[in-house]
Amino acid sequence: MICPFNQVVVVQDSGEEVTPGGIIIPDKSKNKPMRGKVYLAGPECKCVEAGDQVMFNKLGIFTDKIGDDEYVFMKEEAVLLVLNR
């Protein structure tokens, strides 16, 4: 699989929290950036590379489930922070 231009493919962390009463709060219902691991990065990406842990903005992303994993497709500009460098 090849990622074109400055596109990034991220495997999203589950990000679910469980309250003391046992209620599961999915990450999508919270108003905060999402996290994941970069699966592929296009050849024009300057700040991220495959294997990086990143935080990214919810706006301007597209998600799709392929097999058992959910992938997030975005431009490199949607990445807010690289966490592992």
C-alpha atoms as a PDB file:
ATOM      1  CA  MET A   1       0.000   0.000   0.000  1.00  0.00           C
ATOM      2  CA  ILE A   2       1.319   3.466  -0.885  1.00  0.00           C
ATOM      3  CA  CYS A   3       0.144   6.755   0.577  1.00  0.00           C
ATOM      4  CA  PRO A   4       0.250   9.660  -1.930  1.00  0.00           C
ATOM      5  CA  PHE A   5       1.625  13.177  -1.427  1.00  0.00           C
ATOM      6  CA  ASN A   6       1.303  14.481   2.156  1.00  0.00           C
ATOM      7  CA  GLN A   7      -1.401  12.019   3.221  1.00  0.00           C
ATOM      8  CA  VAL A   8      -1.163  10.091   6.498  1.00  0.00           C
ATOM      9  CA  VAL A   9      -2.889   6.853   7.521  1.00  0.00           C
ATOM     10  CA  VAL A  10      -3.255   6.348  11.286  1.00  0.00           C
ATOM     11  CA  VAL A  11      -4.475   3.375  13.314  1.00  0.00           C
ATOM     12  CA  GLN A  12      -6.612   5.056  15.958  1.00  0.00           C
ATOM     13  CA  ASP A  13      -6.268   4.179  19.643  1.00  0.00           C
ATOM     14  CA  SER A  14      -9.521   2.997  21.224  1.00  0.00           C
ATOM     15  CA  GLY A  15      -9.522   5.859  23.736  1.00  0.00           C
ATOM     16  CA  GLU A  16     -12.554   4.566  25.606  1.00  0.00           C
ATOM     17  CA  GLU A  17     -12.909   5.429  29.270  1.00  0.00           C
ATOM     18  CA  VAL A  18     -14.975   3.528  31.798  1.00  0.00           C
ATOM     19  CA  THR A  19     -16.611   5.483  34.625  1.00  0.00           C
ATOM     20  CA  PRO A  20     -16.662   4.037  38.162  1.00  0.00           C
ATOM     21  CA  GLY A  21     -20.281   3.007  37.495  1.00  0.00           C
ATOM     22  CA  GLY A  22     -19.209   0.955  34.440  1.00  0.00           C
ATOM     23  CA  ILE A  23     -20.438   3.322  31.713  1.00  0.00           C
ATOM     24  CA  ILE A  24     -18.179   3.356  28.636  1.00  0.00           C
ATOM     25  CA  ILE A  25     -17.470   6.830  27.248  1.00  0.00           C
ATOM     26  CA  PRO A  26     -16.192   6.560  23.645  1.00  0.00           C
ATOM     27  CA  ASP A  27     -13.422   8.914  22.551  1.00  0.00           C
ATOM     28  CA  LYS A  28     -15.606  10.384  19.798  1.00  0.00           C
ATOM     29  CA  SER A  29     -18.028  11.880  22.335  1.00  0.00           C
ATOM     30  CA  LYS A  30     -15.281  13.760  24.172  1.00  0.00           C
ATOM     31  CA  ASN A  31     -14.113  17.165  22.998  1.00  0.00           C
ATOM     32  CA  LYS A  32     -10.372  16.534  22.794  1.00  0.00           C
ATOM     33  CA  PRO A  33      -7.792  15.539  20.171  1.00  0.00           C
ATOM     34  CA  MET A  34      -7.585  11.895  19.144  1.00  0.00           C
ATOM     35  CA  ARG A  35      -4.482   9.666  19.295  1.00  0.00           C
ATOM     36  CA  GLY A  36      -3.064   6.944  17.132  1.00  0.00           C
ATOM     37  CA  LYS A  37      -0.046   5.362  15.513  1.00  0.00           C
ATOM     38  CA  VAL A  38       1.005   6.343  11.987  1.00  0.00           C
ATOM     39  CA  TYR A  39       0.618   3.318   9.708  1.00  0.00           C
ATOM     40  CA  LEU A  40       1.678   4.996   6.457  1.00  0.00           C
ATOM     41  CA  ALA A  41       3.012   8.434   5.574  1.00  0.00           C
ATOM     42  CA  GLY A  42       3.261   9.868   2.076  1.00  0.00           C
ATOM     43  CA  PRO A  43       6.593  10.787   0.470  1.00  0.00           C
ATOM     44  CA  GLU A  44       5.952  14.536   0.893  1.00  0.00           C
ATOM     45  CA  CYS A  45       5.382  14.315   4.683  1.00  0.00           C
ATOM     46  CA  LYS A  46       8.046  16.304   6.508  1.00  0.00           C
ATOM     47  CA  CYS A  47       7.176  15.840  10.195  1.00  0.00           C
ATOM     48  CA  VAL A  48       5.682  12.363  10.554  1.00  0.00           C
ATOM     49  CA  GLU A  49       6.793   8.883   9.547  1.00  0.00           C
ATOM     50  CA  ALA A  50       5.446   5.373   9.950  1.00  0.00           C
ATOM     51  CA  GLY A  51       5.510   4.209  13.578  1.00  0.00           C
ATOM     52  CA  ASP A  52       5.096   7.667  15.155  1.00  0.00           C
ATOM     53  CA  GLN A  53       2.535   8.126  17.941  1.00  0.00           C
ATOM     54  CA  VAL A  54       0.514  11.250  17.108  1.00  0.00           C
ATOM     55  CA  MET A  55      -2.342  13.410  18.329  1.00  0.00           C
ATOM     56  CA  PHE A  56      -4.611  14.777  15.611  1.00  0.00           C
ATOM     57  CA  ASN A  57      -7.565  17.052  15.088  1.00  0.00           C
ATOM     58  CA  LYS A  58     -11.027  15.560  14.423  1.00  0.00           C
ATOM     59  CA  LEU A  59     -11.736  18.041  11.614  1.00  0.00           C
ATOM     60  CA  GLY A  60     -10.838  17.082   8.071  1.00  0.00           C
ATOM     61  CA  ILE A  61     -10.337  13.370   8.667  1.00  0.00           C
ATOM     62  CA  PHE A  62     -11.961  10.340   7.094  1.00  0.00           C
ATOM     63  CA  THR A  63     -12.262   7.016   8.935  1.00  0.00           C
ATOM     64  CA  ASP A  64     -12.826   3.565   7.482  1.00  0.00           C
ATOM     65  CA  LYS A  65     -12.730   0.063   8.912  1.00  0.00           C
ATOM     66  CA  ILE A  66     -10.567  -2.380   6.958  1.00  0.00           C
ATOM     67  CA  GLY A  67     -10.586  -5.866   8.424  1.00  0.00           C
ATOM     68  CA  ASP A  68     -10.529  -5.593  12.209  1.00  0.00           C
ATOM     69  CA  ASP A  69      -8.741  -2.225  12.391  1.00  0.00           C
ATOM     70  CA  GLU A  70     -10.153   1.266  12.007  1.00  0.00           C
ATOM     71  CA  TYR A  71      -7.944   3.566   9.946  1.00  0.00           C
ATOM     72  CA  VAL A  72      -7.961   7.350   9.891  1.00  0.00           C
ATOM     73  CA  PHE A  73      -7.005   9.124   6.660  1.00  0.00           C
ATOM     74  CA  MET A  74      -5.848  12.753   6.801  1.00  0.00           C
ATOM     75  CA  LYS A  75      -3.411  15.318   5.512  1.00  0.00           C
ATOM     76  CA  GLU A  76      -0.238  15.869   7.489  1.00  0.00           C
ATOM     77  CA  GLU A  77      -1.557  19.304   8.559  1.00  0.00           C
ATOM     78  CA  ALA A  78      -4.190  17.592  10.772  1.00  0.00           C
ATOM     79  CA  VAL A  79      -1.425  16.178  13.010  1.00  0.00           C
ATOM     80  CA  LEU A  80      -1.131  18.352  16.092  1.00  0.00           C
ATOM     81  CA  LEU A  81       1.730  16.646  17.901  1.00  0.00           C
ATOM     82  CA  VAL A  82       4.234  13.816  17.433  1.00  0.00           C
ATOM     83  CA  LEU A  83       4.501  12.152  20.844  1.00  0.00           C
ATOM     84  CA  ASN A  84       7.466   9.784  20.561  1.00  0.00           C
ATOM     85  CA  ARG A  85      10.289  12.131  19.520  1.00  0.00           C
END
